[in-house]
Amino acid sequence: MASQMDVTVCTAELCQRVSITEQELVEIVSHGIVRPQDVQADEWQFDEVLVVQVARAVRLRRDLEIDWGGVALALELLEEVHGLREENAALRRRLARLAE
């Protein structure tokens, strides 16, 4: 049984699934928002996690009307906030255990 990480899509399928052009995908990759499995390959392949990341990036661009550089920065900041929240939750759990 294949895991979700084993499922890949090609450039054309990813573009169709998230309603972008291949040129937009090239811009997304050039800004480091996602990285295909093998950048040097003739046909890029993306796993399902990257499809979700591209869809998120596309929504940010369309909803906030920002360029791809801004999208990359926004995604980086969102990831950092997520990490800080996880760290904060872990520290709160440790404090709760110490207080018992």
PDB file of N, CA and C in Angstrom:
ATOM      1  N   MET A   1       0.844  -1.183   0.000  1.00  0.00           N
ATOM      2  CA  MET A   1       0.000   0.000   0.000  1.00  0.00           C
ATOM      3  C   MET A   1       0.887   1.243   0.000  1.00  0.00           C
ATOM      4  N   ALA A   2       0.678   2.144  -0.933  1.00  0.00           N
ATOM      5  CA  ALA A   2       1.494   3.356  -1.057  1.00  0.00           C
ATOM      6  C   ALA A   2       1.048   4.389  -0.042  1.00  0.00           C
ATOM      7  N   SER A   3       2.046   5.069   0.556  1.00  0.00           N
ATOM      8  CA  SER A   3       1.711   6.154   1.475  1.00  0.00           C
ATOM      9  C   SER A   3       1.452   7.412   0.673  1.00  0.00           C
ATOM     10  N   GLN A   4       0.917   8.412   1.343  1.00  0.00           N
ATOM     11  CA  GLN A   4       0.607   9.671   0.659  1.00  0.00           C
ATOM     12  C   GLN A   4       1.879  10.272   0.059  1.00  0.00           C
ATOM     13  N   MET A   5       3.020  10.093   0.709  1.00  0.00           N
ATOM     14  CA  MET A   5       4.269  10.660   0.228  1.00  0.00           C
ATOM     15  C   MET A   5       4.730   9.986  -1.070  1.00  0.00           C
ATOM     16  N   ASP A   6       4.260   8.772  -1.359  1.00  0.00           N
ATOM     17  CA  ASP A   6       4.668   8.063  -2.559  1.00  0.00           C
ATOM     18  C   ASP A   6       3.910   8.532  -3.794  1.00  0.00           C
ATOM     19  N   VAL A   7       2.818   9.241  -3.611  1.00  0.00           N
ATOM     20  CA  VAL A   7       2.004   9.713  -4.728  1.00  0.00           C
ATOM     21  C   VAL A   7       2.625  10.997  -5.271  1.00  0.00           C
ATOM     22  N   THR A   8       2.866  11.008  -6.585  1.00  0.00           N
ATOM     23  CA  THR A   8       3.417  12.214  -7.200  1.00  0.00           C
ATOM     24  C   THR A   8       2.537  12.640  -8.369  1.00  0.00           C
ATOM     25  N   VAL A   9       2.638  13.924  -8.685  1.00  0.00           N
ATOM     26  CA  VAL A   9       1.941  14.461  -9.849  1.00  0.00           C
ATOM     27  C   VAL A   9       2.954  15.199 -10.703  1.00  0.00           C
ATOM     28  N   CYS A  10       2.701  15.245 -11.995  1.00  0.00           N
ATOM     29  CA  CYS A  10       3.584  15.954 -12.914  1.00  0.00           C
ATOM     30  C   CYS A  10       3.192  17.431 -12.952  1.00  0.00           C
ATOM     31  N   THR A  11       3.984  18.217 -13.623  1.00  0.00           N
ATOM     32  CA  THR A  11       3.762  19.654 -13.735  1.00  0.00           C
ATOM     33  C   THR A  11       2.374  19.975 -14.269  1.00  0.00           C
ATOM     34  N   ALA A  12       1.992  19.329 -15.360  1.00  0.00           N
ATOM     35  CA  ALA A  12       0.699  19.628 -15.980  1.00  0.00           C
ATOM     36  C   ALA A  12      -0.459  19.308 -15.035  1.00  0.00           C
ATOM     37  N   GLU A  13      -0.367  18.179 -14.335  1.00  0.00           N
ATOM     38  CA  GLU A  13      -1.445  17.804 -13.420  1.00  0.00           C
ATOM     39  C   GLU A  13      -1.515  18.765 -12.242  1.00  0.00           C
ATOM     40  N   LEU A  14      -0.365  19.147 -11.694  1.00  0.00           N
ATOM     41  CA  LEU A  14      -0.365  20.099 -10.586  1.00  0.00           C
ATOM     42  C   LEU A  14      -0.982  21.419 -11.023  1.00  0.00           C
ATOM     43  N   CYS A  15      -0.583  21.904 -12.181  1.00  0.00           N
ATOM     44  CA  CYS A  15      -1.129  23.168 -12.687  1.00  0.00           C
ATOM     45  C   CYS A  15      -2.640  23.087 -12.863  1.00  0.00           C
ATOM     46  N   GLN A  16      -3.109  21.980 -13.365  1.00  0.00           N
ATOM     47  CA  GLN A  16      -4.548  21.804 -13.557  1.00  0.00           C
ATOM     48  C   GLN A  16      -5.265  21.751 -12.211  1.00  0.00           C
ATOM     49  N   ARG A  17      -4.691  21.036 -11.243  1.00  0.00           N
ATOM     50  CA  ARG A  17      -5.341  20.875  -9.938  1.00  0.00           C
ATOM     51  C   ARG A  17      -5.454  22.181  -9.162  1.00  0.00           C
ATOM     52  N   VAL A  18      -4.483  23.080  -9.325  1.00  0.00           N
ATOM     53  CA  VAL A  18      -4.521  24.333  -8.558  1.00  0.00           C
ATOM     54  C   VAL A  18      -4.814  25.550  -9.431  1.00  0.00           C
ATOM     55  N   SER A  19      -5.146  25.309 -10.680  1.00  0.00           N
ATOM     56  CA  SER A  19      -5.551  26.362 -11.626  1.00  0.00           C
ATOM     57  C   SER A  19      -4.499  27.458 -11.798  1.00  0.00           C
ATOM     58  N   ILE A  20      -3.285  27.035 -12.169  1.00  0.00           N
ATOM     59  CA  ILE A  20      -2.221  27.978 -12.501  1.00  0.00           C
ATOM     60  C   ILE A  20      -1.585  27.565 -13.816  1.00  0.00           C
ATOM     61  N   THR A  21      -0.826  28.487 -14.390  1.00  0.00           N
ATOM     62  CA  THR A  21      -0.094  28.182 -15.612  1.00  0.00           C
ATOM     63  C   THR A  21       1.254  27.561 -15.253  1.00  0.00           C
ATOM     64  N   GLU A  22       1.879  26.938 -16.252  1.00  0.00           N
ATOM     65  CA  GLU A  22       3.209  26.385 -16.009  1.00  0.00           C
ATOM     66  C   GLU A  22       4.207  27.504 -15.692  1.00  0.00           C
ATOM     67  N   GLN A  23       4.035  28.687 -16.305  1.00  0.00           N
ATOM     68  CA  GLN A  23       4.916  29.815 -16.003  1.00  0.00           C
ATOM     69  C   GLN A  23       4.774  30.238 -14.536  1.00  0.00           C
ATOM     70  N   GLU A  24       3.546  30.244 -14.025  1.00  0.00           N
ATOM     71  CA  GLU A  24       3.347  30.573 -12.611  1.00  0.00           C
ATOM     72  C   GLU A  24       4.036  29.542 -11.715  1.00  0.00           C
ATOM     73  N   LEU A  25       3.978  28.272 -12.108  1.00  0.00           N
ATOM     74  CA  LEU A  25       4.650  27.233 -11.333  1.00  0.00           C
ATOM     75  C   LEU A  25       6.160  27.451 -11.348  1.00  0.00           C
ATOM     76  N   VAL A  26       6.703  27.834 -12.489  1.00  0.00           N
ATOM     77  CA  VAL A  26       8.134  28.122 -12.575  1.00  0.00           C
ATOM     78  C   VAL A  26       8.482  29.259 -11.608  1.00  0.00           C
ATOM     79  N   GLU A  27       7.649  30.286 -11.540  1.00  0.00           N
ATOM     80  CA  GLU A  27       7.879  31.398 -10.609  1.00  0.00           C
ATOM     81  C   GLU A  27       7.814  30.914  -9.161  1.00  0.00           C
ATOM     82  N   ILE A  28       6.850  30.065  -8.853  1.00  0.00           N
ATOM     83  CA  ILE A  28       6.713  29.526  -7.498  1.00  0.00           C
ATOM     84  C   ILE A  28       7.983  28.765  -7.111  1.00  0.00           C
ATOM     85  N   VAL A  29       8.476  27.936  -8.013  1.00  0.00           N
ATOM     86  CA  VAL A  29       9.700  27.175  -7.750  1.00  0.00           C
ATOM     87  C   VAL A  29      10.894  28.116  -7.632  1.00  0.00           C
ATOM     88  N   SER A  30      10.972  29.127  -8.502  1.00  0.00           N
ATOM     89  CA  SER A  30      12.123  30.042  -8.469  1.00  0.00           C
ATOM     90  C   SER A  30      12.173  30.863  -7.185  1.00  0.00           C
ATOM     91  N   HIS A  31      11.021  31.075  -6.539  1.00  0.00           N
ATOM     92  CA  HIS A  31      10.984  31.801  -5.266  1.00  0.00           C
ATOM     93  C   HIS A  31      11.165  30.868  -4.065  1.00  0.00           C
ATOM     94  N   GLY A  32      11.365  29.597  -4.333  1.00  0.00           N
ATOM     95  CA  GLY A  32      11.627  28.643  -3.258  1.00  0.00           C
ATOM     96  C   GLY A  32      10.404  28.259  -2.451  1.00  0.00           C
ATOM     97  N   ILE A  33       9.228  28.539  -2.974  1.00  0.00           N
ATOM     98  CA  ILE A  33       7.998  28.199  -2.259  1.00  0.00           C
ATOM     99  C   ILE A  33       7.839  26.683  -2.193  1.00  0.00           C
ATOM    100  N   VAL A  34       8.143  26.011  -3.284  1.00  0.00           N
ATOM    101  CA  VAL A  34       8.212  24.546  -3.326  1.00  0.00           C
ATOM    102  C   VAL A  34       9.395  24.156  -4.196  1.00  0.00           C
ATOM    103  N   ARG A  35       9.804  22.905  -4.058  1.00  0.00           N
ATOM    104  CA  ARG A  35      10.908  22.384  -4.863  1.00  0.00           C
ATOM    105  C   ARG A  35      10.495  21.017  -5.395  1.00  0.00           C
ATOM    106  N   PRO A  36      10.512  20.857  -6.719  1.00  0.00           N
ATOM    107  CA  PRO A  36      10.170  19.540  -7.275  1.00  0.00           C
ATOM    108  C   PRO A  36      11.185  18.499  -6.807  1.00  0.00           C
ATOM    109  N   GLN A  37      10.804  17.239  -6.936  1.00  0.00           N
ATOM    110  CA  GLN A  37      11.684  16.161  -6.476  1.00  0.00           C
ATOM    111  C   GLN A  37      13.047  16.213  -7.162  1.00  0.00           C
ATOM    112  N   ASP A  38      13.095  16.540  -8.438  1.00  0.00           N
ATOM    113  CA  ASP A  38      14.357  16.654  -9.179  1.00  0.00           C
ATOM    114  C   ASP A  38      14.248  17.859 -10.105  1.00  0.00           C
ATOM    115  N   VAL A  39      14.847  18.971  -9.696  1.00  0.00           N
ATOM    116  CA  VAL A  39      14.759  20.215 -10.458  1.00  0.00           C
ATOM    117  C   VAL A  39      15.339  20.052 -11.855  1.00  0.00           C
ATOM    118  N   GLN A  40      16.322  19.194 -12.007  1.00  0.00           N
ATOM    119  CA  GLN A  40      17.001  19.017 -13.290  1.00  0.00           C
ATOM    120  C   GLN A  40      16.254  18.098 -14.250  1.00  0.00           C
ATOM    121  N   ALA A  41      15.224  17.423 -13.769  1.00  0.00           N
ATOM    122  CA  ALA A  41      14.488  16.476 -14.617  1.00  0.00           C
ATOM    123  C   ALA A  41      13.738  17.211 -15.722  1.00  0.00           C
ATOM    124  N   ASP A  42      13.532  16.514 -16.838  1.00  0.00           N
ATOM    125  CA  ASP A  42      12.761  17.093 -17.946  1.00  0.00           C
ATOM    126  C   ASP A  42      11.317  17.359 -17.530  1.00  0.00           C
ATOM    127  N   GLU A  43      10.772  16.491 -16.712  1.00  0.00           N
ATOM    128  CA  GLU A  43       9.393  16.634 -16.221  1.00  0.00           C
ATOM    129  C   GLU A  43       9.432  16.669 -14.704  1.00  0.00           C
ATOM    130  N   TRP A  44       9.058  17.792 -14.128  1.00  0.00           N
ATOM    131  CA  TRP A  44       9.038  17.913 -12.671  1.00  0.00           C
ATOM    132  C   TRP A  44       7.968  17.024 -12.076  1.00  0.00           C
ATOM    133  N   GLN A  45       8.253  16.477 -10.909  1.00  0.00           N
ATOM    134  CA  GLN A  45       7.308  15.674 -10.137  1.00  0.00           C
ATOM    135  C   GLN A  45       7.170  16.302  -8.743  1.00  0.00           C
ATOM    136  N   PHE A  46       5.939  16.315  -8.242  1.00  0.00           N
ATOM    137  CA  PHE A  46       5.643  16.903  -6.942  1.00  0.00           C
ATOM    138  C   PHE A  46       4.843  15.901  -6.130  1.00  0.00           C
ATOM    139  N   ASP A  47       5.179  15.752  -4.842  1.00  0.00           N
ATOM    140  CA  ASP A  47       4.366  14.876  -4.003  1.00  0.00           C
ATOM    141  C   ASP A  47       3.127  15.640  -3.525  1.00  0.00           C
ATOM    142  N   GLU A  48       2.213  14.917  -2.922  1.00  0.00           N
ATOM    143  CA  GLU A  48       0.927  15.498  -2.509  1.00  0.00           C
ATOM    144  C   GLU A  48       1.098  16.644  -1.512  1.00  0.00           C
ATOM    145  N   VAL A  49       2.102  16.574  -0.654  1.00  0.00           N
ATOM    146  CA  VAL A  49       2.347  17.658   0.309  1.00  0.00           C
ATOM    147  C   VAL A  49       2.658  18.948  -0.437  1.00  0.00           C
ATOM    148  N   LEU A  50       3.438  18.854  -1.489  1.00  0.00           N
ATOM    149  CA  LEU A  50       3.786  20.042  -2.273  1.00  0.00           C
ATOM    150  C   LEU A  50       2.593  20.582  -3.039  1.00  0.00           C
ATOM    151  N   VAL A  51       1.702  19.698  -3.465  1.00  0.00           N
ATOM    152  CA  VAL A  51       0.476  20.150  -4.143  1.00  0.00           C
ATOM    153  C   VAL A  51      -0.318  21.036  -3.184  1.00  0.00           C
ATOM    154  N   VAL A  52      -0.426  20.607  -1.940  1.00  0.00           N
ATOM    155  CA  VAL A  52      -1.139  21.390  -0.928  1.00  0.00           C
ATOM    156  C   VAL A  52      -0.436  22.727  -0.702  1.00  0.00           C
ATOM    157  N   GLN A  53       0.900  22.727  -0.658  1.00  0.00           N
ATOM    158  CA  GLN A  53       1.653  23.971  -0.455  1.00  0.00           C
ATOM    159  C   GLN A  53       1.447  24.929  -1.625  1.00  0.00           C
ATOM    160  N   VAL A  54       1.436  24.411  -2.836  1.00  0.00           N
ATOM    161  CA  VAL A  54       1.212  25.268  -4.005  1.00  0.00           C
ATOM    162  C   VAL A  54      -0.197  25.856  -3.948  1.00  0.00           C
ATOM    163  N   ALA A  55      -1.169  25.044  -3.607  1.00  0.00           N
ATOM    164  CA  ALA A  55      -2.551  25.538  -3.502  1.00  0.00           C
ATOM    165  C   ALA A  55      -2.648  26.640  -2.452  1.00  0.00           C
ATOM    166  N   ARG A  56      -1.966  26.466  -1.349  1.00  0.00           N
ATOM    167  CA  ARG A  56      -1.950  27.492  -0.287  1.00  0.00           C
ATOM    168  C   ARG A  56      -1.298  28.775  -0.792  1.00  0.00           C
ATOM    169  N   ALA A  57      -0.198  28.632  -1.504  1.00  0.00           N
ATOM    170  CA  ALA A  57       0.494  29.802  -2.056  1.00  0.00           C
ATOM    171  C   ALA A  57      -0.393  30.544  -3.057  1.00  0.00           C
ATOM    172  N   VAL A  58      -1.071  29.791  -3.896  1.00  0.00           N
ATOM    173  CA  VAL A  58      -1.958  30.388  -4.900  1.00  0.00           C
ATOM    174  C   VAL A  58      -3.100  31.151  -4.219  1.00  0.00           C
ATOM    175  N   ARG A  59      -3.664  30.556  -3.164  1.00  0.00           N
ATOM    176  CA  ARG A  59      -4.734  31.252  -2.423  1.00  0.00           C
ATOM    177  C   ARG A  59      -4.231  32.545  -1.805  1.00  0.00           C
ATOM    178  N   LEU A  60      -3.042  32.511  -1.216  1.00  0.00           N
ATOM    179  CA  LEU A  60      -2.472  33.731  -0.629  1.00  0.00           C
ATOM    180  C   LEU A  60      -2.289  34.804  -1.687  1.00  0.00           C
ATOM    181  N   ARG A  61      -1.744  34.406  -2.820  1.00  0.00           N
ATOM    182  CA  ARG A  61      -1.502  35.379  -3.900  1.00  0.00           C
ATOM    183  C   ARG A  61      -2.817  36.004  -4.369  1.00  0.00           C
ATOM    184  N   ARG A  62      -3.801  35.177  -4.582  1.00  0.00           N
ATOM    185  CA  ARG A  62      -5.084  35.674  -5.091  1.00  0.00           C
ATOM    186  C   ARG A  62      -5.854  36.462  -4.035  1.00  0.00           C
ATOM    187  N   ASP A  63      -5.877  35.973  -2.809  1.00  0.00           N
ATOM    188  CA  ASP A  63      -6.640  36.643  -1.759  1.00  0.00           C
ATOM    189  C   ASP A  63      -6.006  37.964  -1.323  1.00  0.00           C
ATOM    190  N   LEU A  64      -4.678  37.978  -1.206  1.00  0.00           N
ATOM    191  CA  LEU A  64      -3.984  39.170  -0.713  1.00  0.00           C
ATOM    192  C   LEU A  64      -3.430  40.050  -1.831  1.00  0.00           C
ATOM    193  N   GLU A  65      -3.505  39.536  -3.065  1.00  0.00           N
ATOM    194  CA  GLU A  65      -3.005  40.271  -4.227  1.00  0.00           C
ATOM    195  C   GLU A  65      -1.560  40.733  -4.034  1.00  0.00           C
ATOM    196  N   ILE A  66      -0.699  39.767  -3.647  1.00  0.00           N
ATOM    197  CA  ILE A  66       0.725  40.042  -3.477  1.00  0.00           C
ATOM    198  C   ILE A  66       1.520  39.230  -4.489  1.00  0.00           C
ATOM    199  N   ASP A  67       2.760  39.658  -4.730  1.00  0.00           N
ATOM    200  CA  ASP A  67       3.599  38.949  -5.691  1.00  0.00           C
ATOM    201  C   ASP A  67       4.159  37.672  -5.052  1.00  0.00           C
ATOM    202  N   TRP A  68       4.817  36.845  -5.871  1.00  0.00           N
ATOM    203  CA  TRP A  68       5.308  35.561  -5.380  1.00  0.00           C
ATOM    204  C   TRP A  68       6.352  35.728  -4.289  1.00  0.00           C
ATOM    205  N   GLY A  69       7.162  36.785  -4.349  1.00  0.00           N
ATOM    206  CA  GLY A  69       8.124  37.047  -3.276  1.00  0.00           C
ATOM    207  C   GLY A  69       7.413  37.287  -1.953  1.00  0.00           C
ATOM    208  N   GLY A  70       6.325  38.042  -2.001  1.00  0.00           N
ATOM    209  CA  GLY A  70       5.521  38.279  -0.808  1.00  0.00           C
ATOM    210  C   GLY A  70       4.870  37.009  -0.303  1.00  0.00           C
ATOM    211  N   VAL A  71       4.430  36.172  -1.222  1.00  0.00           N
ATOM    212  CA  VAL A  71       3.837  34.888  -0.844  1.00  0.00           C
ATOM    213  C   VAL A  71       4.883  34.033  -0.128  1.00  0.00           C
ATOM    214  N   ALA A  72       6.092  33.980  -0.677  1.00  0.00           N
ATOM    215  CA  ALA A  72       7.164  33.188  -0.052  1.00  0.00           C
ATOM    216  C   ALA A  72       7.426  33.681   1.364  1.00  0.00           C
ATOM    217  N   LEU A  73       7.485  34.997   1.548  1.00  0.00           N
ATOM    218  CA  LEU A  73       7.717  35.572   2.873  1.00  0.00           C
ATOM    219  C   LEU A  73       6.553  35.253   3.810  1.00  0.00           C
ATOM    220  N   ALA A  74       5.334  35.401   3.324  1.00  0.00           N
ATOM    221  CA  ALA A  74       4.157  35.110   4.155  1.00  0.00           C
ATOM    222  C   ALA A  74       4.147  33.655   4.601  1.00  0.00           C
ATOM    223  N   LEU A  75       4.451  32.742   3.696  1.00  0.00           N
ATOM    224  CA  LEU A  75       4.472  31.323   4.049  1.00  0.00           C
ATOM    225  C   LEU A  75       5.571  31.020   5.064  1.00  0.00           C
ATOM    226  N   GLU A  76       6.721  31.645   4.888  1.00  0.00           N
ATOM    227  CA  GLU A  76       7.828  31.461   5.836  1.00  0.00           C
ATOM    228  C   GLU A  76       7.426  31.954   7.225  1.00  0.00           C
ATOM    229  N   LEU A  77       6.785  33.119   7.283  1.00  0.00           N
ATOM    230  CA  LEU A  77       6.352  33.662   8.570  1.00  0.00           C
ATOM    231  C   LEU A  77       5.262  32.811   9.208  1.00  0.00           C
ATOM    232  N   LEU A  78       4.332  32.302   8.387  1.00  0.00           N
ATOM    233  CA  LEU A  78       3.286  31.418   8.915  1.00  0.00           C
ATOM    234  C   LEU A  78       3.891  30.142   9.493  1.00  0.00           C
ATOM    235  N   GLU A  79       4.895  29.601   8.818  1.00  0.00           N
ATOM    236  CA  GLU A  79       5.570  28.401   9.304  1.00  0.00           C
ATOM    237  C   GLU A  79       6.280  28.686  10.630  1.00  0.00           C
ATOM    238  N   GLU A  80       6.907  29.845  10.717  1.00  0.00           N
ATOM    239  CA  GLU A  80       7.595  30.225  11.950  1.00  0.00           C
ATOM    240  C   GLU A  80       6.598  30.388  13.100  1.00  0.00           C
ATOM    241  N   VAL A  81       5.474  31.029  12.839  1.00  0.00           N
ATOM    242  CA  VAL A  81       4.434  31.191  13.859  1.00  0.00           C
ATOM    243  C   VAL A  81       3.949  29.822  14.325  1.00  0.00           C
ATOM    244  N   HIS A  82       3.724  28.917  13.383  1.00  0.00           N
ATOM    245  CA  HIS A  82       3.280  27.566  13.726  1.00  0.00           C
ATOM    246  C   HIS A  82       4.305  26.890  14.647  1.00  0.00           C
ATOM    247  N   GLY A  83       5.574  26.999  14.303  1.00  0.00           N
ATOM    248  CA  GLY A  83       6.628  26.399  15.127  1.00  0.00           C
ATOM    249  C   GLY A  83       6.679  27.009  16.516  1.00  0.00           C
ATOM    250  N   LEU A  84       6.519  28.316  16.605  1.00  0.00           N
ATOM    251  CA  LEU A  84       6.530  28.985  17.904  1.00  0.00           C
ATOM    252  C   LEU A  84       5.331  28.567  18.750  1.00  0.00           C
ATOM    253  N   ARG A  85       4.185  28.399  18.119  1.00  0.00           N
ATOM    254  CA  ARG A  85       2.998  27.938  18.852  1.00  0.00           C
ATOM    255  C   ARG A  85       3.210  26.533  19.400  1.00  0.00           C
ATOM    256  N   GLU A  86       3.817  25.665  18.584  1.00  0.00           N
ATOM    257  CA  GLU A  86       4.095  24.302  19.053  1.00  0.00           C
ATOM    258  C   GLU A  86       5.077  24.326  20.221  1.00  0.00           C
ATOM    259  N   GLU A  87       6.108  25.135  20.102  1.00  0.00           N
ATOM    260  CA  GLU A  87       7.096  25.258  21.179  1.00  0.00           C
ATOM    261  C   GLU A  87       6.439  25.806  22.446  1.00  0.00           C
ATOM    262  N   ASN A  88       5.590  26.799  22.304  1.00  0.00           N
ATOM    263  CA  ASN A  88       4.887  27.381  23.433  1.00  0.00           C
ATOM    264  C   ASN A  88       4.006  26.341  24.114  1.00  0.00           C
ATOM    265  N   ALA A  89       3.289  25.551  23.322  1.00  0.00           N
ATOM    266  CA  ALA A  89       2.430  24.514  23.885  1.00  0.00           C
ATOM    267  C   ALA A  89       3.250  23.476  24.650  1.00  0.00           C
ATOM    268  N   ALA A  90       4.400  23.106  24.107  1.00  0.00           N
ATOM    269  CA  ALA A  90       5.261  22.133  24.780  1.00  0.00           C
ATOM    270  C   ALA A  90       5.776  22.696  26.103  1.00  0.00           C
ATOM    271  N   LEU A  91       6.154  23.963  26.105  1.00  0.00           N
ATOM    272  CA  LEU A  91       6.631  24.589  27.343  1.00  0.00           C
ATOM    273  C   LEU A  91       5.515  24.694  28.377  1.00  0.00           C
ATOM    274  N   ARG A  92       4.305  24.991  27.926  1.00  0.00           N
ATOM    275  CA  ARG A  92       3.166  25.048  28.855  1.00  0.00           C
ATOM    276  C   ARG A  92       2.901  23.675  29.478  1.00  0.00           C
ATOM    277  N   ARG A  93       3.032  22.616  28.667  1.00  0.00           N
ATOM    278  CA  ARG A  93       2.844  21.266  29.205  1.00  0.00           C
ATOM    279  C   ARG A  93       3.904  20.950  30.248  1.00  0.00           C
ATOM    280  N   ARG A  94       5.150  21.334  29.982  1.00  0.00           N
ATOM    281  CA  ARG A  94       6.236  21.107  30.955  1.00  0.00           C
ATOM    282  C   ARG A  94       5.978  21.868  32.237  1.00  0.00           C
ATOM    283  N   LEU A  95       5.535  23.110  32.106  1.00  0.00           N
ATOM    284  CA  LEU A  95       5.239  23.904  33.299  1.00  0.00           C
ATOM    285  C   LEU A  95       4.100  23.295  34.096  1.00  0.00           C
ATOM    286  N   ALA A  96       3.094  22.803  33.411  1.00  0.00           N
ATOM    287  CA  ALA A  96       1.949  22.182  34.083  1.00  0.00           C
ATOM    288  C   ALA A  96       2.406  20.948  34.854  1.00  0.00           C
ATOM    289  N   ARG A  97       3.298  20.145  34.250  1.00  0.00           N
ATOM    290  CA  ARG A  97       3.810  18.951  34.942  1.00  0.00           C
ATOM    291  C   ARG A  97       4.635  19.334  36.169  1.00  0.00           C
ATOM    292  N   LEU A  98       5.405  20.399  36.055  1.00  0.00           N
ATOM    293  CA  LEU A  98       6.230  20.853  37.192  1.00  0.00           C
ATOM    294  C   LEU A  98       5.361  21.387  38.322  1.00  0.00           C
ATOM    295  N   ALA A  99       4.218  21.958  37.979  1.00  0.00           N
ATOM    296  CA  ALA A  99       3.339  22.544  38.980  1.00  0.00           C
ATOM    297  C   ALA A  99       2.529  21.489  39.724  1.00  0.00           C
ATOM    298  N   GLU A 100       2.480  20.270  39.204  1.00  0.00           N
ATOM    299  CA  GLU A 100       1.677  19.209  39.840  1.00  0.00           C
ATOM    300  C   GLU A 100       2.287  18.738  41.129  1.00  0.00           C
TER     301      GLU A 100
END
